[in-house]
């Protein structure tokens, strides 16, 4: 409870960040995919509409990561990211638990807010609470898609956030990947990569199709990416659990950025 009192601002920030992300996802999906939307009728190409949704969601992710809240909480917005940094020793157990709880609550609040504001435009097909379900390729396609996007995302986050030159751009790279994933991977699995995001849609929709996949695969994939990164660069190569650390906001993690460290191997590889 003492941890809850001291770190409640960060927990609330995580909830608000994922809540805003879900609001953005819901609003832009309605705008581009609701059949009677003027935008939907003007853009008849489904691939182009999905690309534009990806641009909107990637921009939303970037804005949240570099927002004052994102700079302080670390902008995880995803239990899989939090669990990965916990396994890497950068997040304390109590903080990991509360981060995950508040991420789920924030995502739910965002989905219910969109449902309240837009009603059947959001809750009925084709938008359907922006729920994540496998495509026509079934479980194998969705599993492969979720594993690949989560693995690439975590690898990018670890490599760039711990790189002396690239660390300030981690949020930009993350937003670009979100844009690509919505465009290219969403047809396979709906693009979950985030257990809290999938739960936030599944619970009000009461659609639990392959829900276990969206809960288990992203964290397992991200932890695997972290293990591979630490195997290559060493456990101490992971300096902090924040996606953006070059700011004056407080850091509640087991952070080693205050320590003087030599340039790591990833720097040498990139600059060689």
C-alpha atoms as a PDB file:
ATOM      1  CA  UNK A   1       0.000   0.000   0.000  1.00  0.00           C
ATOM      2  CA  UNK A   2       2.922   2.309   0.622  1.00  0.00           C
ATOM      3  CA  UNK A   3       4.069   1.690  -2.946  1.00  0.00           C
ATOM      4  CA  UNK A   4       0.560   2.445  -4.196  1.00  0.00           C
ATOM      5  CA  UNK A   5       0.560   5.785  -2.384  1.00  0.00           C
ATOM      6  CA  UNK A   6       4.015   6.832  -3.583  1.00  0.00           C
ATOM      7  CA  UNK A   7       3.650   5.724  -7.197  1.00  0.00           C
ATOM      8  CA  UNK A   8      -0.078   6.328  -7.750  1.00  0.00           C
ATOM      9  CA  UNK A   9       0.619   9.215 -10.196  1.00  0.00           C
ATOM     10  CA  UNK A  10       2.527   6.858 -12.498  1.00  0.00           C
ATOM     11  CA  UNK A  11      -0.203   4.219 -12.275  1.00  0.00           C
ATOM     12  CA  UNK A  12      -2.890   6.755 -13.167  1.00  0.00           C
ATOM     13  CA  UNK A  13      -0.752   8.011 -16.052  1.00  0.00           C
ATOM     14  CA  UNK A  14      -0.477   4.490 -17.439  1.00  0.00           C
ATOM     15  CA  UNK A  15      -4.241   4.095 -17.188  1.00  0.00           C
ATOM     16  CA  UNK A  16      -4.874   7.421 -18.903  1.00  0.00           C
ATOM     17  CA  UNK A  17      -2.374   6.705 -21.679  1.00  0.00           C
ATOM     18  CA  UNK A  18      -3.889   3.379 -22.694  1.00  0.00           C
ATOM     19  CA  UNK A  19      -7.381   4.827 -22.233  1.00  0.00           C
ATOM     20  CA  UNK A  20      -6.578   7.640 -24.668  1.00  0.00           C
ATOM     21  CA  UNK A  21      -5.021   5.158 -27.084  1.00  0.00           C
ATOM     22  CA  UNK A  22      -8.235   3.106 -27.068  1.00  0.00           C
ATOM     23  CA  UNK A  23     -10.333   6.239 -27.573  1.00  0.00           C
ATOM     24  CA  UNK A  24      -8.190   7.105 -30.573  1.00  0.00           C
ATOM     25  CA  UNK A  25      -8.460   3.552 -31.931  1.00  0.00           C
ATOM     26  CA  UNK A  26     -12.223   3.580 -31.565  1.00  0.00           C
ATOM     27  CA  UNK A  27     -12.799   7.030 -33.060  1.00  0.00           C
ATOM     28  CA  UNK A  28     -10.536   6.542 -36.071  1.00  0.00           C
ATOM     29  CA  UNK A  29     -11.888   3.055 -36.759  1.00  0.00           C
ATOM     30  CA  UNK A  30     -15.421   4.465 -36.780  1.00  0.00           C
ATOM     31  CA  UNK A  31     -14.313   7.320 -39.033  1.00  0.00           C
ATOM     32  CA  UNK A  32     -12.729   5.030 -41.620  1.00  0.00           C
ATOM     33  CA  UNK A  33     -14.727   1.798 -41.311  1.00  0.00           C
ATOM     34  CA  UNK A  34     -18.312   2.689 -40.371  1.00  0.00           C
ATOM     35  CA  UNK A  35     -20.182   2.173 -43.667  1.00  0.00           C
ATOM     36  CA  UNK A  36     -22.114   5.455 -43.490  1.00  0.00           C
ATOM     37  CA  UNK A  37     -19.100   7.562 -42.586  1.00  0.00           C
ATOM     38  CA  UNK A  38     -18.350  10.160 -45.295  1.00  0.00           C
ATOM     39  CA  UNK A  39     -14.654   9.259 -45.029  1.00  0.00           C
ATOM     40  CA  UNK A  40     -15.390   5.563 -45.531  1.00  0.00           C
ATOM     41  CA  UNK A  41     -17.526   6.315 -48.563  1.00  0.00           C
ATOM     42  CA  UNK A  42     -14.899   8.650 -50.023  1.00  0.00           C
ATOM     43  CA  UNK A  43     -12.042   6.133 -49.615  1.00  0.00           C
ATOM     44  CA  UNK A  44     -13.177   2.892 -51.188  1.00  0.00           C
ATOM     45  CA  UNK A  45      -9.824   1.088 -50.960  1.00  0.00           C
ATOM     46  CA  UNK A  46      -9.752  -0.972 -47.744  1.00  0.00           C
ATOM     47  CA  UNK A  47      -5.950  -1.178 -47.687  1.00  0.00           C
ATOM     48  CA  UNK A  48      -5.643   2.601 -47.923  1.00  0.00           C
ATOM     49  CA  UNK A  49      -8.174   3.055 -45.115  1.00  0.00           C
ATOM     50  CA  UNK A  50      -6.238   0.643 -42.922  1.00  0.00           C
ATOM     51  CA  UNK A  51      -2.992   2.479 -43.701  1.00  0.00           C
ATOM     52  CA  UNK A  52      -4.568   5.782 -42.671  1.00  0.00           C
ATOM     53  CA  UNK A  53      -5.832   4.212 -39.434  1.00  0.00           C
ATOM     54  CA  UNK A  54      -2.274   3.015 -38.864  1.00  0.00           C
ATOM     55  CA  UNK A  55      -0.920   6.522 -39.380  1.00  0.00           C
ATOM     56  CA  UNK A  56      -3.443   7.852 -36.873  1.00  0.00           C
ATOM     57  CA  UNK A  57      -2.620   5.174 -34.290  1.00  0.00           C
ATOM     58  CA  UNK A  58       1.134   5.522 -34.773  1.00  0.00           C
ATOM     59  CA  UNK A  59       0.857   9.281 -34.300  1.00  0.00           C
ATOM     60  CA  UNK A  60      -1.236   8.719 -31.180  1.00  0.00           C
ATOM     61  CA  UNK A  61       1.398   6.380 -29.750  1.00  0.00           C
ATOM     62  CA  UNK A  62       4.187   8.890 -30.423  1.00  0.00           C
ATOM     63  CA  UNK A  63       2.214  11.716 -28.828  1.00  0.00           C
ATOM     64  CA  UNK A  64       1.544   9.638 -25.694  1.00  0.00           C
ATOM     65  CA  UNK A  65       5.153   8.460 -25.338  1.00  0.00           C
ATOM     66  CA  UNK A  66       6.504  12.014 -25.540  1.00  0.00           C
ATOM     67  CA  UNK A  67       3.735  13.549 -23.450  1.00  0.00           C
ATOM     68  CA  UNK A  68       4.542  14.654 -19.879  1.00  0.00           C
ATOM     69  CA  UNK A  69       2.675  11.590 -18.603  1.00  0.00           C
ATOM     70  CA  UNK A  70       4.537   9.237 -20.915  1.00  0.00           C
ATOM     71  CA  UNK A  71       7.891  10.708 -19.940  1.00  0.00           C
ATOM     72  CA  UNK A  72       7.151  10.084 -16.261  1.00  0.00           C
ATOM     73  CA  UNK A  73       5.444   6.674 -16.319  1.00  0.00           C
ATOM     74  CA  UNK A  74       7.673   5.279 -19.055  1.00  0.00           C
ATOM     75  CA  UNK A  75       4.728   4.891 -21.461  1.00  0.00           C
ATOM     76  CA  UNK A  76       4.494   1.109 -21.264  1.00  0.00           C
ATOM     77  CA  UNK A  77       0.722   1.052 -21.890  1.00  0.00           C
ATOM     78  CA  UNK A  78       1.141  -2.699 -22.257  1.00  0.00           C
ATOM     79  CA  UNK A  79       1.429  -5.496 -19.650  1.00  0.00           C
ATOM     80  CA  UNK A  80       3.775  -7.384 -21.980  1.00  0.00           C
ATOM     81  CA  UNK A  81       6.286  -4.509 -21.879  1.00  0.00           C
ATOM     82  CA  UNK A  82       5.924  -4.146 -18.116  1.00  0.00           C
ATOM     83  CA  UNK A  83       6.445  -7.878 -17.547  1.00  0.00           C
ATOM     84  CA  UNK A  84       9.485  -7.876 -19.805  1.00  0.00           C
ATOM     85  CA  UNK A  85      11.148  -5.083 -17.852  1.00  0.00           C
ATOM     86  CA  UNK A  86      10.150  -6.824 -14.614  1.00  0.00           C
ATOM     87  CA  UNK A  87      11.870 -10.006 -15.775  1.00  0.00           C
ATOM     88  CA  UNK A  88      14.894  -7.904 -16.692  1.00  0.00           C
ATOM     89  CA  UNK A  89      15.053  -6.580 -13.118  1.00  0.00           C
ATOM     90  CA  UNK A  90      14.111  -2.993 -13.938  1.00  0.00           C
ATOM     91  CA  UNK A  91      10.596  -2.923 -12.459  1.00  0.00           C
ATOM     92  CA  UNK A  92       9.764  -3.904  -8.897  1.00  0.00           C
ATOM     93  CA  UNK A  93       7.101  -6.553  -8.374  1.00  0.00           C
ATOM     94  CA  UNK A  94       4.623  -4.173  -6.727  1.00  0.00           C
ATOM     95  CA  UNK A  95       4.993  -1.637  -9.511  1.00  0.00           C
ATOM     96  CA  UNK A  96       4.566  -4.339 -12.164  1.00  0.00           C
ATOM     97  CA  UNK A  97       1.324  -5.547 -10.559  1.00  0.00           C
ATOM     98  CA  UNK A  98      -0.160  -2.072 -10.248  1.00  0.00           C
ATOM     99  CA  UNK A  99       0.961  -1.080 -13.746  1.00  0.00           C
ATOM    100  CA  UNK A 100      -0.856  -4.070 -15.231  1.00  0.00           C
ATOM    101  CA  UNK A 101      -4.012  -3.493 -13.173  1.00  0.00           C
ATOM    102  CA  UNK A 102      -4.198   0.192 -14.090  1.00  0.00           C
ATOM    103  CA  UNK A 103      -3.400  -0.502 -17.751  1.00  0.00           C
ATOM    104  CA  UNK A 104      -6.381  -2.848 -17.910  1.00  0.00           C
ATOM    105  CA  UNK A 105      -8.640  -0.369 -16.103  1.00  0.00           C
ATOM    106  CA  UNK A 106      -7.542   2.489 -18.323  1.00  0.00           C
ATOM    107  CA  UNK A 107      -8.106   0.507 -21.500  1.00  0.00           C
ATOM    108  CA  UNK A 108     -11.587  -0.479 -20.318  1.00  0.00           C
ATOM    109  CA  UNK A 109     -12.433   3.118 -19.467  1.00  0.00           C
ATOM    110  CA  UNK A 110     -11.385   4.245 -22.928  1.00  0.00           C
ATOM    111  CA  UNK A 111     -13.502   1.603 -24.680  1.00  0.00           C
ATOM    112  CA  UNK A 112     -16.560   2.311 -22.533  1.00  0.00           C
ATOM    113  CA  UNK A 113     -16.187   6.046 -23.167  1.00  0.00           C
ATOM    114  CA  UNK A 114     -16.231   5.514 -26.936  1.00  0.00           C
ATOM    115  CA  UNK A 115     -19.233   3.176 -26.577  1.00  0.00           C
ATOM    116  CA  UNK A 116     -21.039   5.827 -24.538  1.00  0.00           C
ATOM    117  CA  UNK A 117     -20.327   8.575 -27.062  1.00  0.00           C
ATOM    118  CA  UNK A 118     -20.934   6.658 -30.304  1.00  0.00           C
ATOM    119  CA  UNK A 119     -23.224   3.782 -29.336  1.00  0.00           C
ATOM    120  CA  UNK A 120     -23.946   1.257 -32.083  1.00  0.00           C
ATOM    121  CA  UNK A 121     -21.486   2.923 -34.466  1.00  0.00           C
ATOM    122  CA  UNK A 122     -18.801   1.499 -32.216  1.00  0.00           C
ATOM    123  CA  UNK A 123     -20.418  -1.552 -30.639  1.00  0.00           C
ATOM    124  CA  UNK A 124     -21.875  -3.164 -33.773  1.00  0.00           C
ATOM    125  CA  UNK A 125     -20.103  -4.633 -36.835  1.00  0.00           C
ATOM    126  CA  UNK A 126     -17.906  -3.802 -38.596  1.00  0.00           C
ATOM    127  CA  UNK A 127     -16.224  -1.873 -35.745  1.00  0.00           C
ATOM    128  CA  UNK A 128     -17.401  -4.197 -32.941  1.00  0.00           C
ATOM    129  CA  UNK A 129     -15.497  -2.607 -30.036  1.00  0.00           C
ATOM    130  CA  UNK A 130     -12.279  -2.901 -32.151  1.00  0.00           C
ATOM    131  CA  UNK A 131     -11.970  -6.415 -30.754  1.00  0.00           C
ATOM    132  CA  UNK A 132      -8.935  -8.512 -31.689  1.00  0.00           C
ATOM    133  CA  UNK A 133      -9.811 -11.861 -33.283  1.00  0.00           C
ATOM    134  CA  UNK A 134      -7.973 -14.183 -35.711  1.00  0.00           C
ATOM    135  CA  UNK A 135      -8.529 -13.716 -39.435  1.00  0.00           C
ATOM    136  CA  UNK A 136      -9.443 -16.321 -42.023  1.00  0.00           C
ATOM    137  CA  UNK A 137      -5.959 -17.824 -41.553  1.00  0.00           C
ATOM    138  CA  UNK A 138      -7.054 -18.922 -38.088  1.00  0.00           C
ATOM    139  CA  UNK A 139      -5.066 -19.444 -34.916  1.00  0.00           C
ATOM    140  CA  UNK A 140      -1.760 -20.213 -36.609  1.00  0.00           C
ATOM    141  CA  UNK A 141      -1.785 -17.004 -38.615  1.00  0.00           C
ATOM    142  CA  UNK A 142      -2.809 -14.922 -35.597  1.00  0.00           C
ATOM    143  CA  UNK A 143      -0.256 -16.600 -33.335  1.00  0.00           C
ATOM    144  CA  UNK A 144       2.553 -16.077 -35.830  1.00  0.00           C
ATOM    145  CA  UNK A 145       1.536 -12.474 -36.409  1.00  0.00           C
ATOM    146  CA  UNK A 146       1.312 -11.628 -32.711  1.00  0.00           C
ATOM    147  CA  UNK A 147       4.644 -13.309 -31.954  1.00  0.00           C
ATOM    148  CA  UNK A 148       6.505 -11.547 -34.747  1.00  0.00           C
ATOM    149  CA  UNK A 149       5.206  -8.026 -34.087  1.00  0.00           C
ATOM    150  CA  UNK A 150       5.805  -8.307 -30.335  1.00  0.00           C
ATOM    151  CA  UNK A 151       9.317  -9.679 -30.820  1.00  0.00           C
ATOM    152  CA  UNK A 152      10.293  -6.920 -33.263  1.00  0.00           C
ATOM    153  CA  UNK A 153       8.768  -4.199 -31.082  1.00  0.00           C
ATOM    154  CA  UNK A 154      10.600  -5.291 -27.934  1.00  0.00           C
ATOM    155  CA  UNK A 155      13.881  -5.760 -29.774  1.00  0.00           C
ATOM    156  CA  UNK A 156      13.594  -2.245 -31.161  1.00  0.00           C
ATOM    157  CA  UNK A 157      12.711  -0.764 -27.761  1.00  0.00           C
ATOM    158  CA  UNK A 158      15.664  -2.422 -26.042  1.00  0.00           C
ATOM    159  CA  UNK A 159      18.171  -1.598 -28.772  1.00  0.00           C
ATOM    160  CA  UNK A 160      17.211   2.051 -29.213  1.00  0.00           C
ATOM    161  CA  UNK A 161      16.334   2.986 -25.613  1.00  0.00           C
ATOM    162  CA  UNK A 162      19.744   1.743 -24.450  1.00  0.00           C
ATOM    163  CA  UNK A 163      21.660   3.383 -27.280  1.00  0.00           C
ATOM    164  CA  UNK A 164      23.355   6.686 -26.482  1.00  0.00           C
ATOM    165  CA  UNK A 165      22.357   8.308 -29.762  1.00  0.00           C
ATOM    166  CA  UNK A 166      19.034   6.649 -30.606  1.00  0.00           C
ATOM    167  CA  UNK A 167      17.405   6.637 -27.151  1.00  0.00           C
ATOM    168  CA  UNK A 168      15.576   9.924 -27.733  1.00  0.00           C
ATOM    169  CA  UNK A 169      13.897   8.476 -30.832  1.00  0.00           C
ATOM    170  CA  UNK A 170      12.516   5.256 -29.318  1.00  0.00           C
ATOM    171  CA  UNK A 171       8.992   6.678 -29.275  1.00  0.00           C
ATOM    172  CA  UNK A 172       9.201   7.652 -32.945  1.00  0.00           C
ATOM    173  CA  UNK A 173      10.338   4.163 -33.926  1.00  0.00           C
ATOM    174  CA  UNK A 174       7.566   2.631 -31.807  1.00  0.00           C
ATOM    175  CA  UNK A 175       4.950   4.803 -33.499  1.00  0.00           C
ATOM    176  CA  UNK A 176       6.260   3.862 -36.946  1.00  0.00           C
ATOM    177  CA  UNK A 177       6.046   0.175 -36.062  1.00  0.00           C
ATOM    178  CA  UNK A 178       2.462   0.636 -34.841  1.00  0.00           C
ATOM    179  CA  UNK A 179       1.635   2.235 -38.190  1.00  0.00           C
ATOM    180  CA  UNK A 180       3.170  -0.698 -40.081  1.00  0.00           C
ATOM    181  CA  UNK A 181       1.544  -3.289 -37.847  1.00  0.00           C
ATOM    182  CA  UNK A 182      -1.953  -1.830 -38.260  1.00  0.00           C
ATOM    183  CA  UNK A 183      -1.418  -1.755 -42.019  1.00  0.00           C
ATOM    184  CA  UNK A 184       0.225  -5.140 -42.524  1.00  0.00           C
ATOM    185  CA  UNK A 185      -0.451  -7.354 -39.494  1.00  0.00           C
ATOM    186  CA  UNK A 186      -3.953  -6.350 -38.429  1.00  0.00           C
ATOM    187  CA  UNK A 187      -5.520  -8.535 -41.158  1.00  0.00           C
ATOM    188  CA  UNK A 188      -3.952 -11.570 -39.445  1.00  0.00           C
ATOM    189  CA  UNK A 189      -4.852 -11.046 -35.799  1.00  0.00           C
ATOM    190  CA  UNK A 190      -6.493  -7.644 -35.443  1.00  0.00           C
ATOM    191  CA  UNK A 191      -3.131  -6.410 -34.117  1.00  0.00           C
ATOM    192  CA  UNK A 192      -3.291  -6.943 -30.379  1.00  0.00           C
ATOM    193  CA  UNK A 193       0.330  -7.158 -29.126  1.00  0.00           C
ATOM    194  CA  UNK A 194      -1.101  -5.891 -25.842  1.00  0.00           C
ATOM    195  CA  UNK A 195      -3.089  -8.067 -23.382  1.00  0.00           C
ATOM    196  CA  UNK A 196      -4.686  -5.004 -21.743  1.00  0.00           C
ATOM    197  CA  UNK A 197      -5.745  -3.612 -25.114  1.00  0.00           C
ATOM    198  CA  UNK A 198      -7.291  -6.960 -26.131  1.00  0.00           C
ATOM    199  CA  UNK A 199      -9.022  -7.320 -22.749  1.00  0.00           C
ATOM    200  CA  UNK A 200     -10.407  -3.789 -22.983  1.00  0.00           C
ATOM    201  CA  UNK A 201     -12.227  -4.733 -26.192  1.00  0.00           C
ATOM    202  CA  UNK A 202     -13.109  -8.352 -25.358  1.00  0.00           C
ATOM    203  CA  UNK A 203     -14.792  -7.638 -22.011  1.00  0.00           C
ATOM    204  CA  UNK A 204     -17.510  -5.185 -23.120  1.00  0.00           C
ATOM    205  CA  UNK A 205     -17.987  -7.079 -26.403  1.00  0.00           C
ATOM    206  CA  UNK A 206     -18.077 -10.425 -24.542  1.00  0.00           C
ATOM    207  CA  UNK A 207     -16.085 -11.828 -27.419  1.00  0.00           C
ATOM    208  CA  UNK A 208     -13.395 -14.132 -26.038  1.00  0.00           C
ATOM    209  CA  UNK A 209     -12.406 -15.765 -29.320  1.00  0.00           C
ATOM    210  CA  UNK A 210      -8.797 -17.004 -28.938  1.00  0.00           C
ATOM    211  CA  UNK A 211      -8.376 -14.568 -26.043  1.00  0.00           C
ATOM    212  CA  UNK A 212      -5.694 -16.783 -24.497  1.00  0.00           C
ATOM    213  CA  UNK A 213      -3.539 -16.118 -27.552  1.00  0.00           C
ATOM    214  CA  UNK A 214      -3.635 -12.346 -27.045  1.00  0.00           C
ATOM    215  CA  UNK A 215      -2.804 -12.734 -23.359  1.00  0.00           C
ATOM    216  CA  UNK A 216       0.041 -15.251 -23.593  1.00  0.00           C
ATOM    217  CA  UNK A 217       1.828 -14.693 -26.900  1.00  0.00           C
ATOM    218  CA  UNK A 218       2.868 -11.005 -26.623  1.00  0.00           C
ATOM    219  CA  UNK A 219       4.565 -11.284 -23.205  1.00  0.00           C
ATOM    220  CA  UNK A 220       6.241 -14.594 -24.085  1.00  0.00           C
ATOM    221  CA  UNK A 221       7.526 -13.097 -27.319  1.00  0.00           C
ATOM    222  CA  UNK A 222       8.775  -9.905 -25.677  1.00  0.00           C
ATOM    223  CA  UNK A 223      10.483 -11.784 -22.840  1.00  0.00           C
ATOM    224  CA  UNK A 224      12.182 -13.943 -25.475  1.00  0.00           C
ATOM    225  CA  UNK A 225      13.378 -10.805 -27.274  1.00  0.00           C
ATOM    226  CA  UNK A 226      14.726  -9.470 -23.985  1.00  0.00           C
ATOM    227  CA  UNK A 227      16.531 -12.730 -23.245  1.00  0.00           C
ATOM    228  CA  UNK A 228      18.164 -12.651 -26.668  1.00  0.00           C
ATOM    229  CA  UNK A 229      19.167  -9.002 -26.224  1.00  0.00           C
ATOM    230  CA  UNK A 230      20.717  -9.705 -22.828  1.00  0.00           C
ATOM    231  CA  UNK A 231      22.504 -12.752 -24.222  1.00  0.00           C
ATOM    232  CA  UNK A 232      24.115 -10.570 -26.845  1.00  0.00           C
ATOM    233  CA  UNK A 233      24.779  -7.384 -24.884  1.00  0.00           C
ATOM    234  CA  UNK A 234      24.734  -8.478 -21.244  1.00  0.00           C
ATOM    235  CA  UNK A 235      22.140  -8.055 -18.497  1.00  0.00           C
ATOM    236  CA  UNK A 236      23.496  -4.631 -17.512  1.00  0.00           C
ATOM    237  CA  UNK A 237      22.897  -3.327 -21.039  1.00  0.00           C
ATOM    238  CA  UNK A 238      19.255  -2.627 -20.095  1.00  0.00           C
ATOM    239  CA  UNK A 239      19.467   0.667 -18.230  1.00  0.00           C
ATOM    240  CA  UNK A 240      15.865   1.571 -17.446  1.00  0.00           C
ATOM    241  CA  UNK A 241      12.233   0.642 -18.075  1.00  0.00           C
ATOM    242  CA  UNK A 242      11.308   4.012 -19.595  1.00  0.00           C
ATOM    243  CA  UNK A 243      10.847   4.339 -23.329  1.00  0.00           C
ATOM    244  CA  UNK A 244      11.961   7.969 -23.052  1.00  0.00           C
ATOM    245  CA  UNK A 245      14.385   8.798 -20.280  1.00  0.00           C
ATOM    246  CA  UNK A 246      16.034  12.052 -21.415  1.00  0.00           C
ATOM    247  CA  UNK A 247      13.735  14.297 -19.384  1.00  0.00           C
ATOM    248  CA  UNK A 248      13.410  15.798 -15.928  1.00  0.00           C
ATOM    249  CA  UNK A 249      10.474  13.662 -14.787  1.00  0.00           C
ATOM    250  CA  UNK A 250      11.018  11.365 -11.806  1.00  0.00           C
ATOM    251  CA  UNK A 251      11.903   7.736 -12.451  1.00  0.00           C
ATOM    252  CA  UNK A 252      10.448   5.024 -10.185  1.00  0.00           C
ATOM    253  CA  UNK A 253      12.344   2.151 -11.805  1.00  0.00           C
ATOM    254  CA  UNK A 254      15.638   0.432 -11.002  1.00  0.00           C
ATOM    255  CA  UNK A 255      17.427   2.838 -13.271  1.00  0.00           C
ATOM    256  CA  UNK A 256      21.135   2.899 -14.041  1.00  0.00           C
ATOM    257  CA  UNK A 257      21.175   6.010 -16.238  1.00  0.00           C
ATOM    258  CA  UNK A 258      22.625   8.034 -13.371  1.00  0.00           C
ATOM    259  CA  UNK A 259      25.690   5.806 -13.397  1.00  0.00           C
ATOM    260  CA  UNK A 260      28.640   6.522 -15.634  1.00  0.00           C
ATOM    261  CA  UNK A 261      28.766   3.667 -18.136  1.00  0.00           C
ATOM    262  CA  UNK A 262      30.970   3.056 -21.176  1.00  0.00           C
ATOM    263  CA  UNK A 263      29.310   2.980 -24.567  1.00  0.00           C
ATOM    264  CA  UNK A 264      27.599  -0.391 -24.985  1.00  0.00           C
ATOM    265  CA  UNK A 265      28.056  -2.941 -27.732  1.00  0.00           C
ATOM    266  CA  UNK A 266      24.959  -1.777 -29.594  1.00  0.00           C
ATOM    267  CA  UNK A 267      26.568   1.648 -29.976  1.00  0.00           C
ATOM    268  CA  UNK A 268      29.702   0.099 -31.408  1.00  0.00           C
ATOM    269  CA  UNK A 269      27.744  -2.054 -33.839  1.00  0.00           C
ATOM    270  CA  UNK A 270      25.684   0.883 -35.109  1.00  0.00           C
ATOM    271  CA  UNK A 271      28.598   3.281 -35.404  1.00  0.00           C
ATOM    272  CA  UNK A 272      31.074   0.835 -36.906  1.00  0.00           C
END
